[in-house]
Amino acid sequence: MPTPDPVIITDARLSASDDLDRRQRRYLWTMLVRVVCFALMIFVPGWWKVVALLGAVFLPAAAVLLANNQDRRAPTSRPPEDDTDRPALPSAEVIPGEVEDSGGTEP
């Protein structure tokens, strides 16, 4: 049976709950900016009122588009590695002897 390709952790998707939480926070911040635009219409003079009004009108559409933007990255896999290019570790020195158990209780 072939082994599955390893997933590179930096390319992994967010969990569903983290992704939903991030999109909800983005929507909340966009709507808060919209409320600020409505408040600015009261306090700013001249053409700035039009800018604030345009922000208040178009921000909901942008907020919905951003909130519906899910993380749909496909996990990528590493290219197959050639094991013959890597050097092998040298074998360790074996010290002959016995292992003595000095602290345990025997049944």
N, C-alpha and C. Protein backbone atom coordinates (compact mmCIF):
# COMPACT_ATOMS: atom_id res chain seq x y z
N MET A 1 0.84 -1.18 0.00
CA MET A 1 0.00 0.00 0.00
C MET A 1 0.89 1.24 0.00
N PRO A 2 0.69 2.17 -0.92
CA PRO A 2 1.54 3.36 -0.97
C PRO A 2 1.27 4.27 0.23
N THR A 3 2.33 4.89 0.70
CA THR A 3 2.19 5.81 1.83
C THR A 3 1.71 7.16 1.32
N PRO A 4 0.88 7.86 2.10
CA PRO A 4 0.40 9.18 1.67
C PRO A 4 1.55 10.19 1.70
N ASP A 5 1.45 11.16 0.83
CA ASP A 5 2.47 12.20 0.79
C ASP A 5 2.42 13.02 2.06
N PRO A 6 3.57 13.42 2.61
CA PRO A 6 3.57 14.22 3.83
C PRO A 6 3.02 15.62 3.55
N VAL A 7 2.36 16.20 4.53
CA VAL A 7 1.80 17.55 4.41
C VAL A 7 2.79 18.52 5.04
N ILE A 8 3.12 19.56 4.34
CA ILE A 8 4.01 20.59 4.86
C ILE A 8 3.17 21.47 5.79
N ILE A 9 3.59 21.61 7.03
CA ILE A 9 2.75 22.26 8.05
C ILE A 9 2.49 23.73 7.73
N THR A 10 3.39 24.41 7.04
CA THR A 10 3.14 25.81 6.72
C THR A 10 2.07 25.98 5.66
N ASP A 11 1.78 24.91 4.92
CA ASP A 11 0.74 24.97 3.91
C ASP A 11 -0.59 24.40 4.39
N ALA A 12 -0.65 23.99 5.65
CA ALA A 12 -1.88 23.39 6.18
C ALA A 12 -2.95 24.45 6.35
N ARG A 13 -4.19 24.03 6.18
CA ARG A 13 -5.32 24.95 6.37
C ARG A 13 -5.56 25.20 7.85
N LEU A 14 -6.28 26.29 8.12
CA LEU A 14 -6.74 26.53 9.49
C LEU A 14 -7.85 25.53 9.81
N SER A 15 -8.04 25.27 11.09
CA SER A 15 -9.15 24.41 11.45
C SER A 15 -10.46 25.13 11.13
N ALA A 16 -11.53 24.40 11.02
CA ALA A 16 -12.82 25.00 10.64
C ALA A 16 -13.26 26.04 11.67
N SER A 17 -13.07 25.76 12.95
CA SER A 17 -13.50 26.72 13.97
C SER A 17 -12.62 27.97 13.95
N ASP A 18 -11.30 27.82 13.72
CA ASP A 18 -10.43 28.99 13.65
C ASP A 18 -10.74 29.83 12.42
N ASP A 19 -11.03 29.17 11.31
CA ASP A 19 -11.38 29.88 10.09
C ASP A 19 -12.68 30.67 10.27
N LEU A 20 -13.68 30.04 10.87
CA LEU A 20 -14.95 30.72 11.12
C LEU A 20 -14.76 31.89 12.07
N ASP A 21 -13.97 31.71 13.11
CA ASP A 21 -13.72 32.78 14.07
C ASP A 21 -13.03 33.96 13.40
N ARG A 22 -12.05 33.68 12.55
CA ARG A 22 -11.34 34.74 11.85
C ARG A 22 -12.28 35.50 10.92
N ARG A 23 -13.17 34.80 10.21
CA ARG A 23 -14.10 35.47 9.29
C ARG A 23 -15.14 36.28 10.06
N GLN A 24 -15.58 35.80 11.22
CA GLN A 24 -16.54 36.57 12.01
C GLN A 24 -15.91 37.85 12.56
N ARG A 25 -14.65 37.75 13.01
CA ARG A 25 -13.98 38.96 13.49
C ARG A 25 -13.79 39.97 12.37
N ARG A 26 -13.45 39.51 11.16
CA ARG A 26 -13.28 40.41 10.02
C ARG A 26 -14.60 41.11 9.70
N TYR A 27 -15.70 40.37 9.73
CA TYR A 27 -17.02 40.96 9.46
C TYR A 27 -17.36 42.01 10.52
N LEU A 28 -17.09 41.67 11.79
CA LEU A 28 -17.39 42.61 12.88
C LEU A 28 -16.61 43.91 12.72
N TRP A 29 -15.32 43.81 12.41
CA TRP A 29 -14.52 45.02 12.24
C TRP A 29 -14.99 45.84 11.05
N THR A 30 -15.39 45.21 9.99
CA THR A 30 -15.88 45.94 8.82
C THR A 30 -17.18 46.67 9.15
N MET A 31 -18.05 46.04 9.90
CA MET A 31 -19.31 46.69 10.29
C MET A 31 -19.06 47.82 11.29
N LEU A 32 -18.04 47.68 12.13
CA LEU A 32 -17.70 48.79 13.03
C LEU A 32 -17.20 50.00 12.25
N VAL A 33 -16.43 49.75 11.21
CA VAL A 33 -15.99 50.86 10.35
C VAL A 33 -17.19 51.51 9.67
N ARG A 34 -18.18 50.71 9.31
CA ARG A 34 -19.40 51.26 8.70
C ARG A 34 -20.14 52.17 9.68
N VAL A 35 -20.21 51.76 10.93
CA VAL A 35 -20.86 52.60 11.95
C VAL A 35 -20.09 53.91 12.13
N VAL A 36 -18.77 53.84 12.08
CA VAL A 36 -17.95 55.05 12.17
C VAL A 36 -18.23 55.95 10.96
N CYS A 37 -18.43 55.37 9.79
CA CYS A 37 -18.76 56.18 8.61
C CYS A 37 -20.08 56.92 8.80
N PHE A 38 -21.08 56.24 9.38
CA PHE A 38 -22.35 56.93 9.65
C PHE A 38 -22.16 58.07 10.65
N ALA A 39 -21.34 57.83 11.67
CA ALA A 39 -21.09 58.89 12.67
C ALA A 39 -20.32 60.05 12.05
N LEU A 40 -19.39 59.76 11.16
CA LEU A 40 -18.62 60.83 10.52
C LEU A 40 -19.49 61.72 9.65
N MET A 41 -20.57 61.18 9.11
CA MET A 41 -21.46 62.00 8.28
C MET A 41 -22.06 63.15 9.08
N ILE A 42 -22.15 62.99 10.38
CA ILE A 42 -22.70 64.05 11.23
C ILE A 42 -21.67 65.15 11.48
N PHE A 43 -20.38 64.75 11.59
CA PHE A 43 -19.36 65.68 12.08
C PHE A 43 -18.48 66.30 10.99
N VAL A 44 -18.38 65.69 9.82
CA VAL A 44 -17.45 66.23 8.82
C VAL A 44 -18.18 67.16 7.86
N PRO A 45 -17.45 68.15 7.32
CA PRO A 45 -18.10 69.10 6.40
C PRO A 45 -17.92 68.70 4.93
N GLY A 46 -18.75 69.26 4.09
CA GLY A 46 -18.58 69.23 2.64
C GLY A 46 -18.57 67.84 2.02
N TRP A 47 -17.58 67.66 1.11
CA TRP A 47 -17.49 66.43 0.34
C TRP A 47 -17.10 65.22 1.18
N TRP A 48 -16.59 65.45 2.36
CA TRP A 48 -16.25 64.32 3.24
C TRP A 48 -17.50 63.55 3.64
N LYS A 49 -18.63 64.23 3.66
CA LYS A 49 -19.89 63.52 3.94
C LYS A 49 -20.19 62.49 2.86
N VAL A 50 -19.90 62.84 1.62
CA VAL A 50 -20.13 61.91 0.51
C VAL A 50 -19.20 60.70 0.64
N VAL A 51 -17.96 60.94 1.01
CA VAL A 51 -17.00 59.85 1.19
C VAL A 51 -17.48 58.92 2.30
N ALA A 52 -17.92 59.50 3.42
CA ALA A 52 -18.42 58.68 4.53
C ALA A 52 -19.67 57.91 4.11
N LEU A 53 -20.54 58.55 3.34
CA LEU A 53 -21.75 57.88 2.87
C LEU A 53 -21.41 56.72 1.94
N LEU A 54 -20.47 56.93 1.02
CA LEU A 54 -20.05 55.84 0.13
C LEU A 54 -19.44 54.68 0.92
N GLY A 55 -18.67 55.01 1.94
CA GLY A 55 -18.12 53.96 2.79
C GLY A 55 -19.22 53.19 3.49
N ALA A 56 -20.21 53.88 4.00
CA ALA A 56 -21.32 53.23 4.70
C ALA A 56 -22.17 52.39 3.75
N VAL A 57 -22.24 52.79 2.47
CA VAL A 57 -23.06 52.06 1.51
C VAL A 57 -22.34 50.81 1.00
N PHE A 58 -21.04 50.93 0.69
CA PHE A 58 -20.34 49.81 0.05
C PHE A 58 -19.64 48.86 1.01
N LEU A 59 -19.46 49.25 2.25
CA LEU A 59 -18.80 48.36 3.20
C LEU A 59 -19.58 47.07 3.50
N PRO A 60 -20.91 47.08 3.55
CA PRO A 60 -21.60 45.80 3.80
C PRO A 60 -21.34 44.75 2.73
N ALA A 61 -21.29 45.17 1.47
CA ALA A 61 -21.01 44.21 0.41
C ALA A 61 -19.60 43.65 0.55
N ALA A 62 -18.65 44.52 0.86
CA ALA A 62 -17.27 44.05 1.07
C ALA A 62 -17.19 43.14 2.28
N ALA A 63 -17.93 43.46 3.33
CA ALA A 63 -17.91 42.64 4.54
C ALA A 63 -18.44 41.24 4.28
N VAL A 64 -19.50 41.14 3.50
CA VAL A 64 -20.08 39.83 3.20
C VAL A 64 -19.13 39.03 2.31
N LEU A 65 -18.52 39.68 1.33
CA LEU A 65 -17.56 38.97 0.48
C LEU A 65 -16.37 38.45 1.29
N LEU A 66 -15.86 39.27 2.20
CA LEU A 66 -14.73 38.85 3.03
C LEU A 66 -15.13 37.77 4.02
N ALA A 67 -16.35 37.85 4.56
CA ALA A 67 -16.80 36.85 5.53
C ALA A 67 -17.06 35.50 4.88
N ASN A 68 -17.43 35.50 3.62
CA ASN A 68 -17.69 34.24 2.92
C ASN A 68 -16.44 33.65 2.29
N ASN A 69 -15.32 34.33 2.41
CA ASN A 69 -14.07 33.86 1.81
C ASN A 69 -13.44 32.81 2.73
N GLN A 70 -13.73 31.54 2.47
CA GLN A 70 -13.20 30.46 3.28
C GLN A 70 -11.78 30.12 2.84
N ASP A 71 -11.07 29.47 3.75
CA ASP A 71 -9.72 29.00 3.45
C ASP A 71 -9.84 27.71 2.67
N ARG A 72 -9.65 27.78 1.36
CA ARG A 72 -9.82 26.60 0.50
C ARG A 72 -8.51 26.15 -0.13
N ARG A 73 -7.42 26.40 0.57
CA ARG A 73 -6.13 25.97 0.05
C ARG A 73 -6.07 24.45 0.02
N ALA A 74 -5.61 23.92 -1.05
CA ALA A 74 -5.41 22.47 -1.13
C ALA A 74 -4.06 22.16 -0.49
N PRO A 75 -4.01 21.15 0.35
CA PRO A 75 -2.71 20.83 0.95
C PRO A 75 -1.72 20.39 -0.12
N THR A 76 -0.53 20.92 -0.02
CA THR A 76 0.51 20.54 -0.97
C THR A 76 1.38 19.47 -0.36
N SER A 77 2.01 18.70 -1.18
CA SER A 77 2.88 17.64 -0.67
C SER A 77 4.31 17.91 -1.14
N ARG A 78 5.23 17.33 -0.42
CA ARG A 78 6.63 17.49 -0.77
C ARG A 78 6.96 16.64 -2.00
N PRO A 79 7.92 17.08 -2.77
CA PRO A 79 8.35 16.23 -3.89
C PRO A 79 9.08 15.01 -3.33
N PRO A 80 9.05 13.90 -4.04
CA PRO A 80 9.73 12.70 -3.54
C PRO A 80 11.23 12.96 -3.41
N GLU A 81 11.78 12.45 -2.32
CA GLU A 81 13.20 12.65 -2.07
C GLU A 81 13.97 11.41 -2.50
N ASP A 82 15.16 11.64 -2.97
CA ASP A 82 16.04 10.54 -3.35
C ASP A 82 16.93 10.23 -2.15
N ASP A 83 16.77 9.04 -1.56
CA ASP A 83 17.49 8.68 -0.35
C ASP A 83 18.97 8.39 -0.58
N THR A 84 19.38 8.22 -1.80
CA THR A 84 20.78 7.87 -2.06
C THR A 84 21.71 9.06 -1.91
N ASP A 85 21.19 10.28 -1.93
CA ASP A 85 22.05 11.46 -1.84
C ASP A 85 22.43 11.80 -0.41
N ARG A 86 21.70 11.29 0.56
CA ARG A 86 21.98 11.65 1.94
C ARG A 86 23.05 10.73 2.52
N PRO A 87 24.00 11.30 3.23
CA PRO A 87 25.02 10.44 3.85
C PRO A 87 24.44 9.69 5.05
N ALA A 88 24.94 8.51 5.29
CA ALA A 88 24.48 7.71 6.42
C ALA A 88 25.30 8.04 7.65
N LEU A 89 24.71 7.92 8.82
CA LEU A 89 25.44 8.12 10.06
C LEU A 89 26.36 6.92 10.30
N PRO A 90 27.54 7.16 10.90
CA PRO A 90 28.42 6.03 11.18
C PRO A 90 27.84 5.19 12.32
N SER A 91 28.20 3.92 12.33
CA SER A 91 27.69 3.04 13.38
C SER A 91 28.34 3.41 14.71
N ALA A 92 27.60 3.20 15.77
CA ALA A 92 28.08 3.56 17.10
C ALA A 92 28.99 2.47 17.66
N GLU A 93 29.83 2.86 18.59
CA GLU A 93 30.71 1.90 19.24
C GLU A 93 29.91 1.12 20.28
N VAL A 94 30.05 -0.18 20.30
CA VAL A 94 29.33 -1.03 21.24
C VAL A 94 30.27 -1.36 22.40
N ILE A 95 29.82 -1.09 23.61
CA ILE A 95 30.60 -1.39 24.81
C ILE A 95 30.06 -2.68 25.40
N PRO A 96 30.87 -3.72 25.48
CA PRO A 96 30.38 -4.99 26.03
C PRO A 96 30.17 -4.86 27.54
N GLY A 97 29.19 -5.57 28.05
CA GLY A 97 28.93 -5.56 29.48
C GLY A 97 27.53 -6.03 29.77
N GLU A 98 27.14 -5.89 31.05
CA GLU A 98 25.82 -6.31 31.50
C GLU A 98 25.07 -5.12 32.09
N VAL A 99 23.77 -5.19 32.07
CA VAL A 99 22.92 -4.18 32.68
C VAL A 99 22.46 -4.70 34.02
N GLU A 100 22.72 -3.94 35.07
CA GLU A 100 22.31 -4.35 36.40
C GLU A 100 21.20 -3.44 36.89
N ASP A 101 20.15 -4.01 37.41
CA ASP A 101 19.05 -3.26 37.98
C ASP A 101 19.34 -3.08 39.47
N SER A 102 19.56 -1.86 39.92
CA SER A 102 19.98 -1.67 41.30
C SER A 102 18.89 -1.10 42.19
N GLY A 103 17.79 -0.61 41.68
CA GLY A 103 16.84 0.06 42.54
C GLY A 103 15.45 -0.51 42.56
N GLY A 104 15.16 -1.52 41.82
CA GLY A 104 13.80 -2.03 41.74
C GLY A 104 13.52 -3.14 42.73
N THR A 105 12.25 -3.33 43.04
CA THR A 105 11.84 -4.44 43.88
C THR A 105 11.39 -5.58 42.98
N GLU A 106 11.79 -6.77 43.32
CA GLU A 106 11.45 -7.91 42.50
C GLU A 106 10.30 -8.68 43.12
N PRO A 107 9.37 -9.19 42.34
CA PRO A 107 8.22 -9.93 42.90
C PRO A 107 8.58 -11.28 43.43
